[in-house]
Amino acid sequence: MSEEAPDQLLHLVFGGELIDLDEVDFKDLSKLDIIGIFPNYAAAYDAWRNAAQRTVDNAQMRYFVVHIHKLLDPEDDREHELKTQ
């Protein structure tokens, strides 16, 4: 019996302290907090929310979700968006 693997829409969650809240320039690149790579947006969002809540007392700290799947195959991502509309 063959099961079809679910789509892997990879997302990276990372953060760090910003120099200026109006820009995305990190204070110290060696101190970036790499949370991980996740198989879908929902899992990445949960990890992002967890990390952001842990650092709520540091106003300069920001976390981001990067859509790796869009970087790996932009055409495939467009097809996925069309299917989900």
C-alpha atoms as a PDB file:
ATOM      1  CA  MET A   1       0.000   0.000   0.000  1.00  0.00           C
ATOM      2  CA  SER A   2       1.477   3.324  -1.073  1.00  0.00           C
ATOM      3  CA  GLU A   3       0.602   6.516   0.757  1.00  0.00           C
ATOM      4  CA  GLU A   4       1.117   9.849  -0.937  1.00  0.00           C
ATOM      5  CA  ALA A   5       3.473  12.082   1.044  1.00  0.00           C
ATOM      6  CA  PRO A   6       2.015  15.441   2.096  1.00  0.00           C
ATOM      7  CA  ASP A   7       3.366  18.597   0.481  1.00  0.00           C
ATOM      8  CA  GLN A   8       6.506  19.847   2.174  1.00  0.00           C
ATOM      9  CA  LEU A   9       6.124  23.597   2.277  1.00  0.00           C
ATOM     10  CA  LEU A  10       9.266  24.260   4.294  1.00  0.00           C
ATOM     11  CA  HIS A  11       9.480  27.317   6.560  1.00  0.00           C
ATOM     12  CA  LEU A  12      12.400  28.667   8.598  1.00  0.00           C
ATOM     13  CA  VAL A  13      11.855  30.479  11.906  1.00  0.00           C
ATOM     14  CA  PHE A  14      14.636  32.684  13.241  1.00  0.00           C
ATOM     15  CA  GLY A  15      15.117  35.917  15.110  1.00  0.00           C
ATOM     16  CA  GLY A  16      17.496  38.313  16.693  1.00  0.00           C
ATOM     17  CA  GLU A  17      17.921  41.724  18.209  1.00  0.00           C
ATOM     18  CA  LEU A  18      17.410  44.569  15.769  1.00  0.00           C
ATOM     19  CA  ILE A  19      19.448  47.767  15.638  1.00  0.00           C
ATOM     20  CA  ASP A  20      16.395  49.818  14.673  1.00  0.00           C
ATOM     21  CA  LEU A  21      12.774  48.654  14.788  1.00  0.00           C
ATOM     22  CA  ASP A  22      12.053  50.349  11.461  1.00  0.00           C
ATOM     23  CA  GLU A  23      14.659  48.212   9.646  1.00  0.00           C
ATOM     24  CA  VAL A  24      15.610  44.545   9.510  1.00  0.00           C
ATOM     25  CA  ASP A  25      19.264  44.969  10.482  1.00  0.00           C
ATOM     26  CA  PHE A  26      20.440  42.689  13.259  1.00  0.00           C
ATOM     27  CA  LYS A  27      22.616  43.966  16.088  1.00  0.00           C
ATOM     28  CA  ASP A  28      24.855  40.856  16.116  1.00  0.00           C
ATOM     29  CA  LEU A  29      24.593  38.179  13.417  1.00  0.00           C
ATOM     30  CA  SER A  30      26.522  35.695  15.559  1.00  0.00           C
ATOM     31  CA  LYS A  31      23.651  35.800  18.068  1.00  0.00           C
ATOM     32  CA  LEU A  32      20.799  35.008  15.678  1.00  0.00           C
ATOM     33  CA  ASP A  33      18.371  32.556  17.247  1.00  0.00           C
ATOM     34  CA  ILE A  34      17.616  29.806  14.706  1.00  0.00           C
ATOM     35  CA  ILE A  35      14.455  28.122  15.953  1.00  0.00           C
ATOM     36  CA  GLY A  36      14.239  25.554  13.156  1.00  0.00           C
ATOM     37  CA  ILE A  37      12.827  24.441   9.834  1.00  0.00           C
ATOM     38  CA  PHE A  38       9.215  23.312   9.788  1.00  0.00           C
ATOM     39  CA  PRO A  39       7.166  21.250   7.295  1.00  0.00           C
ATOM     40  CA  ASN A  40       4.311  23.743   6.966  1.00  0.00           C
ATOM     41  CA  TYR A  41       3.232  27.248   7.883  1.00  0.00           C
ATOM     42  CA  ALA A  42       1.056  26.178  10.818  1.00  0.00           C
ATOM     43  CA  ALA A  43       3.976  24.499  12.606  1.00  0.00           C
ATOM     44  CA  ALA A  44       6.267  27.443  11.795  1.00  0.00           C
ATOM     45  CA  TYR A  45       3.693  29.918  13.073  1.00  0.00           C
ATOM     46  CA  ASP A  46       3.407  28.038  16.385  1.00  0.00           C
ATOM     47  CA  ALA A  47       7.197  28.069  16.778  1.00  0.00           C
ATOM     48  CA  TRP A  48       7.341  31.778  15.843  1.00  0.00           C
ATOM     49  CA  ARG A  49       4.633  32.650  18.385  1.00  0.00           C
ATOM     50  CA  ASN A  50       6.403  30.642  21.112  1.00  0.00           C
ATOM     51  CA  ALA A  51       9.741  32.360  20.448  1.00  0.00           C
ATOM     52  CA  ALA A  52       8.163  35.822  20.281  1.00  0.00           C
ATOM     53  CA  GLN A  53       6.332  35.277  23.566  1.00  0.00           C
ATOM     54  CA  ARG A  54       9.546  34.125  25.296  1.00  0.00           C
ATOM     55  CA  THR A  55      11.253  37.402  24.377  1.00  0.00           C
ATOM     56  CA  VAL A  56       8.348  39.810  24.911  1.00  0.00           C
ATOM     57  CA  ASP A  57      10.372  41.812  27.473  1.00  0.00           C
ATOM     58  CA  ASN A  58      13.017  42.712  24.865  1.00  0.00           C
ATOM     59  CA  ALA A  59      11.484  45.302  22.532  1.00  0.00           C
ATOM     60  CA  GLN A  60      14.408  45.029  20.067  1.00  0.00           C
ATOM     61  CA  MET A  61      13.985  41.263  19.575  1.00  0.00           C
ATOM     62  CA  ARG A  62      12.066  40.124  16.494  1.00  0.00           C
ATOM     63  CA  TYR A  63      11.322  36.715  14.994  1.00  0.00           C
ATOM     64  CA  PHE A  64      10.538  35.950  11.365  1.00  0.00           C
ATOM     65  CA  VAL A  65       9.016  33.142   9.306  1.00  0.00           C
ATOM     66  CA  VAL A  66      10.783  32.600   5.975  1.00  0.00           C
ATOM     67  CA  HIS A  67       8.917  30.665   3.280  1.00  0.00           C
ATOM     68  CA  ILE A  68      11.794  28.450   2.130  1.00  0.00           C
ATOM     69  CA  HIS A  69       9.561  26.598  -0.315  1.00  0.00           C
ATOM     70  CA  LYS A  70       9.075  29.844  -2.262  1.00  0.00           C
ATOM     71  CA  LEU A  71      12.830  30.270  -2.563  1.00  0.00           C
ATOM     72  CA  LEU A  72      13.420  26.682  -3.655  1.00  0.00           C
ATOM     73  CA  ASP A  73      10.780  26.562  -6.360  1.00  0.00           C
ATOM     74  CA  PRO A  74       8.872  29.800  -7.055  1.00  0.00           C
ATOM     75  CA  GLU A  75       6.861  28.225  -9.933  1.00  0.00           C
ATOM     76  CA  ASP A  76       5.723  25.319  -7.779  1.00  0.00           C
ATOM     77  CA  ASP A  77       4.577  27.772  -5.108  1.00  0.00           C
ATOM     78  CA  ARG A  78       2.437  29.631  -7.641  1.00  0.00           C
ATOM     79  CA  GLU A  79       0.791  26.343  -8.647  1.00  0.00           C
ATOM     80  CA  HIS A  80       0.100  25.579  -4.973  1.00  0.00           C
ATOM     81  CA  GLU A  81      -1.508  29.004  -4.476  1.00  0.00           C
ATOM     82  CA  LEU A  82      -3.761  28.446  -7.484  1.00  0.00           C
ATOM     83  CA  LYS A  83      -4.879  25.053  -6.165  1.00  0.00           C
ATOM     84  CA  THR A  84      -5.816  26.489  -2.749  1.00  0.00           C
ATOM     85  CA  GLN A  85      -7.903  29.395  -4.068  1.00  0.00           C
END
